[in-house]
PDB file of all heavy atoms in Angstrom:
ATOM      1  N   GLN A   1      11.933  -6.153 -10.112  1.00  0.00           N
ATOM      2  CA  GLN A   1      11.005  -5.802 -11.186  1.00  0.00           C
ATOM      3  C   GLN A   1      10.927  -4.308 -11.467  1.00  0.00           C
ATOM      4  O   GLN A   1      10.648  -3.903 -12.602  1.00  0.00           O
ATOM      5  CB  GLN A   1       9.592  -6.277 -10.818  1.00  0.00           C
ATOM      6  CG  GLN A   1       9.462  -7.750 -10.509  1.00  0.00           C
ATOM      7  CD  GLN A   1       8.050  -8.089 -10.074  1.00  0.00           C
ATOM      8  OE1 GLN A   1       7.107  -8.079 -10.879  1.00  0.00           O
ATOM      9  NE2 GLN A   1       7.872  -8.386  -8.788  1.00  0.00           N
ATOM     10  N   PHE A   2      11.173  -3.487 -10.430  1.00  0.00           N
ATOM     11  CA  PHE A   2      10.918  -2.051 -10.554  1.00  0.00           C
ATOM     12  C   PHE A   2      12.055  -1.238  -9.947  1.00  0.00           C
ATOM     13  O   PHE A   2      12.745  -1.680  -9.035  1.00  0.00           O
ATOM     14  CB  PHE A   2       9.589  -1.691  -9.878  1.00  0.00           C
ATOM     15  CG  PHE A   2       8.417  -2.476 -10.392  1.00  0.00           C
ATOM     16  CD1 PHE A   2       7.892  -3.529  -9.647  1.00  0.00           C
ATOM     17  CD2 PHE A   2       7.868  -2.197 -11.637  1.00  0.00           C
ATOM     18  CE1 PHE A   2       6.825  -4.273 -10.125  1.00  0.00           C
ATOM     19  CE2 PHE A   2       6.803  -2.940 -12.125  1.00  0.00           C
ATOM     20  CZ  PHE A   2       6.278  -3.975 -11.373  1.00  0.00           C
ATOM     21  N   ASP A   3      12.210  -0.028 -10.475  1.00  0.00           N
ATOM     22  CA  ASP A   3      13.210   0.912  -9.956  1.00  0.00           C
ATOM     23  C   ASP A   3      12.612   1.846  -8.903  1.00  0.00           C
ATOM     24  O   ASP A   3      13.340   2.389  -8.070  1.00  0.00           O
ATOM     25  CB  ASP A   3      13.788   1.752 -11.106  1.00  0.00           C
ATOM     26  CG  ASP A   3      14.400   0.891 -12.194  1.00  0.00           C
ATOM     27  OD1 ASP A   3      15.178  -0.029 -11.851  1.00  0.00           O
ATOM     28  OD2 ASP A   3      14.094   1.115 -13.385  1.00  0.00           O
ATOM     29  N   ILE A   4      11.306   2.074  -8.982  1.00  0.00           N
ATOM     30  CA  ILE A   4      10.570   2.910  -8.024  1.00  0.00           C
ATOM     31  C   ILE A   4       9.183   2.296  -7.840  1.00  0.00           C
ATOM     32  O   ILE A   4       8.606   1.767  -8.800  1.00  0.00           O
ATOM     33  CB  ILE A   4      10.346   4.360  -8.527  1.00  0.00           C
ATOM     34  CG1 ILE A   4      11.586   4.959  -9.141  1.00  0.00           C
ATOM     35  CG2 ILE A   4       9.819   5.259  -7.416  1.00  0.00           C
ATOM     36  CD1 ILE A   4      11.296   6.269  -9.870  1.00  0.00           C
ATOM     37  N   VAL A   5       8.638   2.407  -6.643  1.00  0.00           N
ATOM     38  CA  VAL A   5       7.234   2.055  -6.401  1.00  0.00           C
ATOM     39  C   VAL A   5       6.538   3.287  -5.831  1.00  0.00           C
ATOM     40  O   VAL A   5       7.022   3.882  -4.862  1.00  0.00           O
ATOM     41  CB  VAL A   5       7.096   0.870  -5.432  1.00  0.00           C
ATOM     42  CG1 VAL A   5       5.615   0.608  -5.126  1.00  0.00           C
ATOM     43  CG2 VAL A   5       7.743  -0.385  -6.016  1.00  0.00           C
ATOM     44  N   VAL A   6       5.432   3.687  -6.442  1.00  0.00           N
ATOM     45  CA  VAL A   6       4.681   4.856  -6.003  1.00  0.00           C
ATOM     46  C   VAL A   6       3.469   4.391  -5.200  1.00  0.00           C
ATOM     47  O   VAL A   6       2.601   3.675  -5.709  1.00  0.00           O
ATOM     48  CB  VAL A   6       4.233   5.715  -7.202  1.00  0.00           C
ATOM     49  CG1 VAL A   6       3.407   6.915  -6.722  1.00  0.00           C
ATOM     50  CG2 VAL A   6       5.442   6.188  -8.006  1.00  0.00           C
ATOM     51  N   ASP A   7       3.431   4.779  -3.951  1.00  0.00           N
ATOM     52  CA  ASP A   7       2.345   4.428  -3.037  1.00  0.00           C
ATOM     53  C   ASP A   7       1.259   5.497  -3.111  1.00  0.00           C
ATOM     54  O   ASP A   7       1.343   6.544  -2.478  1.00  0.00           O
ATOM     55  CB  ASP A   7       2.916   4.313  -1.619  1.00  0.00           C
ATOM     56  CG  ASP A   7       1.835   4.362  -0.535  1.00  0.00           C
ATOM     57  OD1 ASP A   7       0.681   4.011  -0.840  1.00  0.00           O
ATOM     58  OD2 ASP A   7       2.170   4.755   0.608  1.00  0.00           O
ATOM     59  N   SER A   8       0.238   5.241  -3.907  1.00  0.00           N
ATOM     60  CA  SER A   8      -0.932   6.132  -3.951  1.00  0.00           C
ATOM     61  C   SER A   8      -2.180   5.325  -3.594  1.00  0.00           C
ATOM     62  O   SER A   8      -3.201   5.378  -4.266  1.00  0.00           O
ATOM     63  CB  SER A   8      -1.083   6.781  -5.336  1.00  0.00           C
ATOM     64  OG  SER A   8      -1.281   5.813  -6.340  1.00  0.00           O
ATOM     65  N   ILE A   9      -2.062   4.576  -2.513  1.00  0.00           N
ATOM     66  CA  ILE A   9      -3.146   3.665  -2.109  1.00  0.00           C
ATOM     67  C   ILE A   9      -4.191   4.395  -1.275  1.00  0.00           C
ATOM     68  O   ILE A   9      -5.362   4.486  -1.647  1.00  0.00           O
ATOM     69  CB  ILE A   9      -2.583   2.464  -1.318  1.00  0.00           C
ATOM     70  CG1 ILE A   9      -1.481   1.751  -2.126  1.00  0.00           C
ATOM     71  CG2 ILE A   9      -3.704   1.478  -0.999  1.00  0.00           C
ATOM     72  CD1 ILE A   9      -0.778   0.649  -1.353  1.00  0.00           C
ATOM     73  N   PHE A  10      -3.775   4.923  -0.122  1.00  0.00           N
ATOM     74  CA  PHE A  10      -4.716   5.560   0.800  1.00  0.00           C
ATOM     75  C   PHE A  10      -4.296   7.000   1.058  1.00  0.00           C
ATOM     76  O   PHE A  10      -3.115   7.289   1.252  1.00  0.00           O
ATOM     77  CB  PHE A  10      -4.770   4.807   2.125  1.00  0.00           C
ATOM     78  CG  PHE A  10      -5.088   3.340   1.980  1.00  0.00           C
ATOM     79  CD1 PHE A  10      -4.255   2.379   2.509  1.00  0.00           C
ATOM     80  CD2 PHE A  10      -6.223   2.929   1.299  1.00  0.00           C
ATOM     81  CE1 PHE A  10      -4.546   1.026   2.376  1.00  0.00           C
ATOM     82  CE2 PHE A  10      -6.522   1.584   1.145  1.00  0.00           C
ATOM     83  CZ  PHE A  10      -5.671   0.623   1.693  1.00  0.00           C
ATOM     84  N   GLY A  11      -5.273   7.898   1.111  1.00  0.00           N
ATOM     85  CA  GLY A  11      -5.009   9.303   1.372  1.00  0.00           C
ATOM     86  C   GLY A  11      -5.233   9.667   2.821  1.00  0.00           C
ATOM     87  O   GLY A  11      -5.320   8.804   3.707  1.00  0.00           O
ATOM     88  N   PHE A  12      -5.395  10.978   3.063  1.00  0.00           N
ATOM     89  CA  PHE A  12      -5.489  11.448   4.449  1.00  0.00           C
ATOM     90  C   PHE A  12      -6.812  11.078   5.110  1.00  0.00           C
ATOM     91  O   PHE A  12      -6.953  11.178   6.331  1.00  0.00           O
ATOM     92  CB  PHE A  12      -5.270  12.966   4.528  1.00  0.00           C
ATOM     93  CG  PHE A  12      -6.292  13.799   3.810  1.00  0.00           C
ATOM     94  CD1 PHE A  12      -7.544  14.017   4.357  1.00  0.00           C
ATOM     95  CD2 PHE A  12      -6.002  14.387   2.582  1.00  0.00           C
ATOM     96  CE1 PHE A  12      -8.490  14.797   3.706  1.00  0.00           C
ATOM     97  CE2 PHE A  12      -6.936  15.165   1.922  1.00  0.00           C
ATOM     98  CZ  PHE A  12      -8.188  15.372   2.494  1.00  0.00           C
ATOM     99  N   GLY A  13      -7.801  10.633   4.340  1.00  0.00           N
ATOM    100  CA  GLY A  13      -9.086  10.281   4.934  1.00  0.00           C
ATOM    101  C   GLY A  13      -9.198   8.829   5.352  1.00  0.00           C
ATOM    102  O   GLY A  13     -10.202   8.425   5.943  1.00  0.00           O
ATOM    103  N   PHE A  14      -8.159   8.019   5.103  1.00  0.00           N
ATOM    104  CA  PHE A  14      -8.250   6.584   5.382  1.00  0.00           C
ATOM    105  C   PHE A  14      -8.023   6.297   6.867  1.00  0.00           C
ATOM    106  O   PHE A  14      -7.155   6.879   7.503  1.00  0.00           O
ATOM    107  CB  PHE A  14      -7.219   5.820   4.560  1.00  0.00           C
ATOM    108  CG  PHE A  14      -7.239   4.334   4.795  1.00  0.00           C
ATOM    109  CD1 PHE A  14      -8.178   3.534   4.178  1.00  0.00           C
ATOM    110  CD2 PHE A  14      -6.314   3.746   5.654  1.00  0.00           C
ATOM    111  CE1 PHE A  14      -8.212   2.160   4.402  1.00  0.00           C
ATOM    112  CE2 PHE A  14      -6.330   2.381   5.880  1.00  0.00           C
ATOM    113  CZ  PHE A  14      -7.277   1.586   5.254  1.00  0.00           C
ATOM    114  N   THR A  15      -8.810   5.365   7.389  1.00  0.00           N
ATOM    115  CA  THR A  15      -8.612   4.861   8.749  1.00  0.00           C
ATOM    116  C   THR A  15      -8.766   3.342   8.731  1.00  0.00           C
ATOM    117  O   THR A  15      -9.378   2.774   7.831  1.00  0.00           O
ATOM    118  CB  THR A  15      -9.626   5.460   9.739  1.00  0.00           C
ATOM    119  OG1 THR A  15     -10.965   5.170   9.278  1.00  0.00           O
ATOM    120  CG2 THR A  15      -9.451   6.968   9.856  1.00  0.00           C
ATOM    121  N   GLY A  16      -8.217   2.684   9.738  1.00  0.00           N
ATOM    122  CA  GLY A  16      -8.339   1.235   9.834  1.00  0.00           C
ATOM    123  C   GLY A  16      -7.141   0.526   9.242  1.00  0.00           C
ATOM    124  O   GLY A  16      -6.147   1.137   8.851  1.00  0.00           O
ATOM    125  N   ALA A  17      -7.252  -0.793   9.167  1.00  0.00           N
ATOM    126  CA  ALA A  17      -6.160  -1.621   8.647  1.00  0.00           C
ATOM    127  C   ALA A  17      -6.350  -1.870   7.158  1.00  0.00           C
ATOM    128  O   ALA A  17      -7.484  -2.039   6.684  1.00  0.00           O
ATOM    129  CB  ALA A  17      -6.125  -2.951   9.398  1.00  0.00           C
ATOM    130  N   PRO A  18      -5.272  -1.898   6.375  1.00  0.00           N
ATOM    131  CA  PRO A  18      -5.388  -2.202   4.943  1.00  0.00           C
ATOM    132  C   PRO A  18      -5.964  -3.597   4.723  1.00  0.00           C
ATOM    133  O   PRO A  18      -5.630  -4.547   5.440  1.00  0.00           O
ATOM    134  CB  PRO A  18      -3.927  -2.124   4.450  1.00  0.00           C
ATOM    135  CG  PRO A  18      -3.229  -1.284   5.456  1.00  0.00           C
ATOM    136  CD  PRO A  18      -3.890  -1.574   6.761  1.00  0.00           C
ATOM    137  N   ARG A  19      -6.825  -3.703   3.730  1.00  0.00           N
ATOM    138  CA  ARG A  19      -7.456  -4.982   3.401  1.00  0.00           C
ATOM    139  C   ARG A  19      -6.861  -5.542   2.119  1.00  0.00           C
ATOM    140  O   ARG A  19      -6.234  -4.824   1.341  1.00  0.00           O
ATOM    141  CB  ARG A  19      -8.968  -4.791   3.255  1.00  0.00           C
ATOM    142  CG  ARG A  19      -9.674  -4.408   4.554  1.00  0.00           C
ATOM    143  CD  ARG A  19     -11.177  -4.322   4.377  1.00  0.00           C
ATOM    144  NE  ARG A  19     -11.561  -3.227   3.492  1.00  0.00           N
ATOM    145  CZ  ARG A  19     -11.761  -1.976   3.885  1.00  0.00           C
ATOM    146  NH1 ARG A  19     -11.595  -1.644   5.156  1.00  0.00           N
ATOM    147  NH2 ARG A  19     -12.116  -1.048   3.027  1.00  0.00           N
ATOM    148  N   PRO A  20      -7.081  -6.860   1.868  1.00  0.00           N
ATOM    149  CA  PRO A  20      -6.552  -7.460   0.635  1.00  0.00           C
ATOM    150  C   PRO A  20      -7.112  -6.764  -0.599  1.00  0.00           C
ATOM    151  O   PRO A  20      -8.269  -6.302  -0.584  1.00  0.00           O
ATOM    152  CB  PRO A  20      -7.054  -8.914   0.722  1.00  0.00           C
ATOM    153  CG  PRO A  20      -7.284  -9.141   2.188  1.00  0.00           C
ATOM    154  CD  PRO A  20      -7.757  -7.833   2.726  1.00  0.00           C
ATOM    155  N   PRO A  21      -6.315  -6.705  -1.674  1.00  0.00           N
ATOM    156  CA  PRO A  21      -4.939  -7.207  -1.811  1.00  0.00           C
ATOM    157  C   PRO A  21      -3.880  -6.179  -1.404  1.00  0.00           C
ATOM    158  O   PRO A  21      -2.691  -6.434  -1.562  1.00  0.00           O
ATOM    159  CB  PRO A  21      -4.853  -7.504  -3.299  1.00  0.00           C
ATOM    160  CG  PRO A  21      -5.681  -6.428  -3.920  1.00  0.00           C
ATOM    161  CD  PRO A  21      -6.823  -6.189  -2.972  1.00  0.00           C
ATOM    162  N   PHE A  22      -4.330  -5.027  -0.886  1.00  0.00           N
ATOM    163  CA  PHE A  22      -3.360  -3.974  -0.576  1.00  0.00           C
ATOM    164  C   PHE A  22      -2.458  -4.352   0.593  1.00  0.00           C
ATOM    165  O   PHE A  22      -1.303  -3.931   0.656  1.00  0.00           O
ATOM    166  CB  PHE A  22      -4.081  -2.654  -0.296  1.00  0.00           C
ATOM    167  CG  PHE A  22      -4.815  -2.110  -1.485  1.00  0.00           C
ATOM    168  CD1 PHE A  22      -6.200  -2.031  -1.482  1.00  0.00           C
ATOM    169  CD2 PHE A  22      -4.133  -1.699  -2.620  1.00  0.00           C
ATOM    170  CE1 PHE A  22      -6.883  -1.527  -2.586  1.00  0.00           C
ATOM    171  CE2 PHE A  22      -4.808  -1.198  -3.719  1.00  0.00           C
ATOM    172  CZ  PHE A  22      -6.185  -1.121  -3.705  1.00  0.00           C
ATOM    173  N   ASP A  23      -2.980  -5.154   1.529  1.00  0.00           N
ATOM    174  CA  ASP A  23      -2.142  -5.561   2.658  1.00  0.00           C
ATOM    175  C   ASP A  23      -0.920  -6.334   2.198  1.00  0.00           C
ATOM    176  O   ASP A  23       0.186  -6.187   2.744  1.00  0.00           O
ATOM    177  CB  ASP A  23      -2.964  -6.368   3.666  1.00  0.00           C
ATOM    178  CG  ASP A  23      -3.614  -7.611   3.054  1.00  0.00           C
ATOM    179  OD1 ASP A  23      -3.677  -7.713   1.803  1.00  0.00           O
ATOM    180  OD2 ASP A  23      -4.055  -8.482   3.832  1.00  0.00           O
ATOM    181  N   LYS A  24      -1.100  -7.154   1.153  1.00  0.00           N
ATOM    182  CA  LYS A  24       0.012  -7.973   0.662  1.00  0.00           C
ATOM    183  C   LYS A  24       1.086  -7.128  -0.001  1.00  0.00           C
ATOM    184  O   LYS A  24       2.284  -7.335   0.226  1.00  0.00           O
ATOM    185  CB  LYS A  24      -0.513  -9.029  -0.316  1.00  0.00           C
ATOM    186  CG  LYS A  24      -1.474 -10.023   0.313  1.00  0.00           C
ATOM    187  CD  LYS A  24      -2.018 -10.995  -0.717  1.00  0.00           C
ATOM    188  CE  LYS A  24      -3.022 -11.958  -0.070  1.00  0.00           C
ATOM    189  NZ  LYS A  24      -3.608 -12.887  -1.089  1.00  0.00           N
ATOM    190  N   ILE A  25       0.658  -6.184  -0.821  1.00  0.00           N
ATOM    191  CA  ILE A  25       1.674  -5.387  -1.519  1.00  0.00           C
ATOM    192  C   ILE A  25       2.333  -4.394  -0.567  1.00  0.00           C
ATOM    193  O   ILE A  25       3.518  -4.064  -0.719  1.00  0.00           O
ATOM    194  CB  ILE A  25       1.092  -4.694  -2.766  1.00  0.00           C
ATOM    195  CG1 ILE A  25       2.238  -4.254  -3.682  1.00  0.00           C
ATOM    196  CG2 ILE A  25       0.205  -3.516  -2.407  1.00  0.00           C
ATOM    197  CD1 ILE A  25       1.826  -3.973  -5.094  1.00  0.00           C
ATOM    198  N   ILE A  26       1.604  -3.929   0.449  1.00  0.00           N
ATOM    199  CA  ILE A  26       2.226  -3.068   1.446  1.00  0.00           C
ATOM    200  C   ILE A  26       3.331  -3.825   2.182  1.00  0.00           C
ATOM    201  O   ILE A  26       4.400  -3.266   2.470  1.00  0.00           O
ATOM    202  CB  ILE A  26       1.170  -2.513   2.423  1.00  0.00           C
ATOM    203  CG1 ILE A  26       0.321  -1.443   1.707  1.00  0.00           C
ATOM    204  CG2 ILE A  26       1.833  -1.918   3.667  1.00  0.00           C
ATOM    205  CD1 ILE A  26      -0.830  -0.908   2.536  1.00  0.00           C
ATOM    206  N   GLU A  27       3.104  -5.099   2.471  1.00  0.00           N
ATOM    207  CA  GLU A  27       4.154  -5.907   3.108  1.00  0.00           C
ATOM    208  C   GLU A  27       5.393  -5.974   2.220  1.00  0.00           C
ATOM    209  O   GLU A  27       6.523  -5.933   2.717  1.00  0.00           O
ATOM    210  CB  GLU A  27       3.634  -7.319   3.395  1.00  0.00           C
ATOM    211  CG  GLU A  27       2.671  -7.411   4.561  1.00  0.00           C
ATOM    212  CD  GLU A  27       3.318  -7.005   5.881  1.00  0.00           C
ATOM    213  OE1 GLU A  27       4.503  -7.369   6.104  1.00  0.00           O
ATOM    214  OE2 GLU A  27       2.652  -6.322   6.684  1.00  0.00           O
ATOM    215  N   MET A  28       5.185  -6.079   0.911  1.00  0.00           N
ATOM    216  CA  MET A  28       6.314  -6.141  -0.017  1.00  0.00           C
ATOM    217  C   MET A  28       7.060  -4.808  -0.093  1.00  0.00           C
ATOM    218  O   MET A  28       8.214  -4.758  -0.535  1.00  0.00           O
ATOM    219  CB  MET A  28       5.832  -6.533  -1.408  1.00  0.00           C
ATOM    220  CG  MET A  28       5.231  -7.916  -1.503  1.00  0.00           C
ATOM    221  SD  MET A  28       4.669  -8.303  -3.193  1.00  0.00           S
ATOM    222  CE  MET A  28       6.262  -8.465  -4.052  1.00  0.00           C
ATOM    223  N   MET A  29       6.411  -3.724   0.323  1.00  0.00           N
ATOM    224  CA  MET A  29       6.999  -2.390   0.258  1.00  0.00           C
ATOM    225  C   MET A  29       7.713  -1.998   1.546  1.00  0.00           C
ATOM    226  O   MET A  29       8.359  -0.950   1.613  1.00  0.00           O
ATOM    227  CB  MET A  29       5.910  -1.361  -0.074  1.00  0.00           C
ATOM    228  CG  MET A  29       5.311  -1.539  -1.464  1.00  0.00           C
ATOM    229  SD  MET A  29       3.684  -0.756  -1.666  1.00  0.00           S
ATOM    230  CE  MET A  29       4.082   0.961  -1.379  1.00  0.00           C
ATOM    231  N   LYS A  30       7.616  -2.824   2.592  1.00  0.00           N
ATOM    232  CA  LYS A  30       8.233  -2.504   3.865  1.00  0.00           C
ATOM    233  C   LYS A  30       9.740  -2.746   3.822  1.00  0.00           C
ATOM    234  O   LYS A  30      10.234  -3.542   3.019  1.00  0.00           O
ATOM    235  CB  LYS A  30       7.594  -3.325   4.985  1.00  0.00           C
ATOM    236  CG  LYS A  30       6.168  -2.919   5.308  1.00  0.00           C
ATOM    237  CD  LYS A  30       5.601  -3.728   6.450  1.00  0.00           C
ATOM    238  CE  LYS A  30       4.192  -3.278   6.818  1.00  0.00           C
ATOM    239  NZ  LYS A  30       3.632  -4.074   7.950  1.00  0.00           N
TER     240      LYS A  30
END
């Protein structure tokens, strides 16, 4: 679908595990 994916989800202040729906798309980006 895409030529590039830009990850601007979490910055330097984020801690913990990603929650839905971001966990799903992060898996697709691995």
